[in-house]
Amino acid sequence: MEHWLLENGYPALFLLSFLASTLVPLGSEWLLAVLLVNGFDASIVVLVATVGNSCGALTTYAIGLWGGPFLVQRFLRISHESQQRAERYFTRYGSWALLFSWLPIIGDPLCLAGGVLRTGFWRFLLLVTTGKFVRYLVVAKVVLEGTKVVISN
């Protein structure tokens, strides 16, 4: 499996990042770390993870815009309570709440609320992508600094 992931590093990261931001309860940070430790270009790794995760968020946004309750409950499996919590958060902080779409549990419902509440496409994309980019950048810096410490010891 590790060999396959390293052979298909960037596409695998894109796919995992996409899925992690939609219907599959996965995390993509571990693969980002594996790729960095194995010498993949940090800038490309962060960019690929950000784009994949943002595309997944756009899928959830589209379901909020056009999907209706059936798709929300059947496809995304977001509970009514999570939806309500995200909408309250969204109402309280406005579309700025989308900067936190990378957070576990609340992130997908925030993207859904962005669609349901008809946030403008470009505003949605800018806020979500910014939040996800900063998260992946921080993870990459932590991994790279950690490898420096291990190598120097």
Foldseek 3Di string as FASTA:
>chain_A
DLVVCQVVVLVVLLQQLLCCQAADVDDSLVSLLSNVVVPDDNVSSLVSSLVSNLVSLVVLLVCLQPVPPVCCCPVNVQDPVLLVVLLVVCVVVPLLCLLVLVDPSNNSSVSSNCNNVVPDPVSNSVSNSNSSSVVSVVSSVVSVVVVVVVVVD
